[in-house]
Protein backbone atom coordinates (compact mmCIF):
# COMPACT_ATOMS: atom_id res chain seq x y z
CA UNK A 1 -56.82 -60.38 -41.35
CA UNK A 2 -53.37 -59.91 -42.52
CA UNK A 3 -54.54 -56.34 -44.31
CA UNK A 4 -55.68 -55.11 -40.79
CA UNK A 5 -52.74 -56.23 -39.06
CA UNK A 6 -50.44 -54.57 -41.70
CA UNK A 7 -52.76 -51.25 -41.64
CA UNK A 8 -52.19 -51.44 -37.30
CA UNK A 9 -48.52 -51.75 -38.04
CA UNK A 10 -48.44 -49.02 -40.34
CA UNK A 11 -50.51 -47.20 -37.81
CA UNK A 12 -48.37 -47.65 -35.07
CA UNK A 13 -45.19 -46.70 -37.11
CA UNK A 14 -46.85 -43.82 -37.82
CA UNK A 15 -47.59 -43.12 -34.45
CA UNK A 16 -44.22 -43.64 -33.14
CA UNK A 17 -42.83 -41.77 -35.62
CA UNK A 18 -45.53 -38.72 -35.24
CA UNK A 19 -44.23 -39.24 -31.24
CA UNK A 20 -40.22 -38.98 -31.87
CA UNK A 21 -41.23 -35.83 -34.32
CA UNK A 22 -43.29 -34.19 -31.81
CA UNK A 23 -39.88 -35.36 -28.78
CA UNK A 24 -37.52 -33.97 -31.43
CA UNK A 25 -39.27 -30.33 -32.20
CA UNK A 26 -39.68 -30.39 -27.85
CA UNK A 27 -36.20 -31.28 -27.58
CA UNK A 28 -35.54 -28.19 -30.38
CA UNK A 29 -37.80 -25.85 -28.40
CA UNK A 30 -36.04 -26.44 -25.34
CA UNK A 31 -32.57 -26.22 -26.55
CA UNK A 32 -33.80 -22.49 -27.84
CA UNK A 33 -34.94 -21.88 -24.75
CA UNK A 34 -32.07 -22.74 -23.19
CA UNK A 35 -29.99 -20.74 -25.34
CA UNK A 36 -31.91 -17.74 -25.06
CA UNK A 37 -31.77 -17.78 -21.25
CA UNK A 38 -27.88 -18.04 -21.57
CA UNK A 39 -28.11 -15.34 -23.97
CA UNK A 40 -29.90 -13.32 -21.69
CA UNK A 41 -27.42 -14.20 -18.77
CA UNK A 42 -24.71 -13.44 -21.01
CA UNK A 43 -25.74 -9.59 -22.05
CA UNK A 44 -27.01 -8.90 -18.50
CA UNK A 45 -23.42 -10.06 -17.22
CA UNK A 46 -22.10 -7.66 -19.59
CA UNK A 47 -24.23 -4.94 -19.22
CA UNK A 48 -23.92 -4.81 -15.45
CA UNK A 49 -20.16 -5.12 -15.73
CA UNK A 50 -20.08 -2.09 -17.71
CA UNK A 51 -22.41 -0.27 -15.37
CA UNK A 52 -20.13 -1.42 -12.51
CA UNK A 53 -16.93 0.07 -14.13
CA UNK A 54 -18.55 3.35 -15.18
CA UNK A 55 -20.04 3.68 -11.55
CA UNK A 56 -16.18 2.97 -10.25
CA UNK A 57 -15.36 5.76 -12.66
CA UNK A 58 -17.26 7.91 -11.25
CA UNK A 59 -16.92 7.38 -7.76
CA UNK A 60 -12.81 7.79 -8.11
CA UNK A 61 -13.59 11.14 -9.97
CA UNK A 62 -16.12 12.13 -7.14
CA UNK A 63 -13.34 11.22 -4.43
CA UNK A 64 -10.95 13.54 -6.12
CA UNK A 65 -13.68 16.19 -6.31
CA UNK A 66 -13.86 15.63 -2.80
CA UNK A 67 -10.22 15.77 -1.71
CA UNK A 68 -9.83 19.15 -3.63
CA UNK A 69 -12.89 20.35 -1.74
CA UNK A 70 -11.60 19.27 1.67
CA UNK A 71 -7.72 20.61 0.79
CA UNK A 72 -9.61 24.03 -0.07
CA UNK A 73 -11.15 24.23 3.03
CA UNK A 74 -8.27 23.30 4.82
CA UNK A 75 -6.82 26.12 3.04
CA UNK A 76 -9.25 28.68 3.71
CA UNK A 77 -9.18 27.92 7.54
CA UNK A 78 -5.59 28.08 7.68
CA UNK A 79 -5.83 31.68 5.99
CA UNK A 80 -8.61 32.73 8.34
CA UNK A 81 -6.48 32.00 11.51
CA UNK A 82 -3.36 33.57 10.16
CA UNK A 83 -5.08 36.48 8.61
CA UNK A 84 -6.73 36.84 12.33
CA UNK A 85 -3.86 35.86 14.39
CA UNK A 86 -0.67 36.98 12.25
CA UNK A 87 -1.55 39.50 10.15
CA UNK A 88 -4.06 41.43 12.37
CA UNK A 89 -2.22 41.03 15.68
CA UNK A 90 -1.20 43.93 17.56
CA UNK A 91 1.28 42.06 19.68
CA UNK A 92 3.19 39.12 19.60
CA UNK A 93 1.84 35.73 18.50
CA UNK A 94 0.92 33.67 21.45
CA UNK A 95 2.58 30.09 21.92
CA UNK A 96 -1.08 29.00 21.90
CA UNK A 97 -1.88 30.63 18.43
CA UNK A 98 1.65 29.60 16.75
CA UNK A 99 0.78 26.04 18.17
CA UNK A 100 -2.67 25.99 16.00
CA UNK A 101 -1.42 27.64 13.11
CA UNK A 102 1.22 24.93 13.06
CA UNK A 103 -1.61 22.18 13.65
CA UNK A 104 -3.85 23.81 10.83
CA UNK A 105 -1.00 24.18 7.88
CA UNK A 106 0.07 20.31 9.11
CA UNK A 107 -3.50 19.42 8.07
CA UNK A 108 -3.45 20.55 4.88
CA UNK A 109 -0.96 17.78 4.23
CA UNK A 110 0.54 19.66 1.31
CA UNK A 111 4.43 19.50 1.01
CA UNK A 112 5.12 22.81 -0.54
CA UNK A 113 3.16 24.21 1.62
CA UNK A 114 4.51 22.81 4.66
CA UNK A 115 8.33 23.83 3.18
CA UNK A 116 6.81 27.76 2.91
CA UNK A 117 5.36 27.65 6.39
CA UNK A 118 9.08 26.08 7.65
CA UNK A 119 10.80 29.06 5.86
CA UNK A 120 8.50 31.64 7.31
CA UNK A 121 8.91 30.48 10.49
CA UNK A 122 12.43 29.85 10.42
CA UNK A 123 13.05 33.63 9.49
CA UNK A 124 15.15 35.80 11.61
CA UNK A 125 15.12 39.25 10.40
CA UNK A 126 12.05 41.72 9.19
CA UNK A 127 12.76 41.11 5.73
CA UNK A 128 13.20 37.82 5.55
CA UNK A 129 9.80 37.33 7.57
CA UNK A 130 7.69 39.78 5.06
CA UNK A 131 9.41 37.45 2.34
CA UNK A 132 8.07 34.38 4.18
CA UNK A 133 4.43 36.09 4.46
CA UNK A 134 4.49 36.89 0.81
CA UNK A 135 5.45 33.60 -0.46
CA UNK A 136 3.48 31.08 2.10
CA UNK A 137 0.43 33.27 0.95
CA UNK A 138 1.21 32.62 -2.78
CA UNK A 139 1.49 28.94 -2.57
CA UNK A 140 -1.57 28.95 0.07
CA UNK A 141 -3.57 30.84 -3.00
CA UNK A 142 -2.13 28.66 -5.93
CA UNK A 143 -3.58 25.61 -3.70
CA UNK A 144 -7.09 26.75 -4.13
CA UNK A 145 -9.03 24.93 -6.88
CA UNK A 146 -12.16 26.04 -8.34
């Protein structure tokens, strides 16, 4: 009977050590899985962070391009009104037309163009007016971007 108890005791110890070994493997697997999940989340965060900043740069570029196009459109609109109301005018430019020109030039929102406009509108003799028109048209053409 002593032999049976020893063998049962060894059996129990073997089973316990086997269970501890299995628990150890299970814990090891859990920690590996947990580590992989953390790595995946970390790489995902880095990936989406990089994508976010690249999209942000692209948006800034598109906003700049939009601003350039809007400026171009405003300059072309002013040039069309200026040619129609001033250069092709057969009589003196009316107050309403001058007001429309003034508003259109201010919509461009460019200090250099506005300065040339004010020089042109402040001209007192024919020579100053002609020079003002040339300078204004030159600045307007330079502001158009491709």
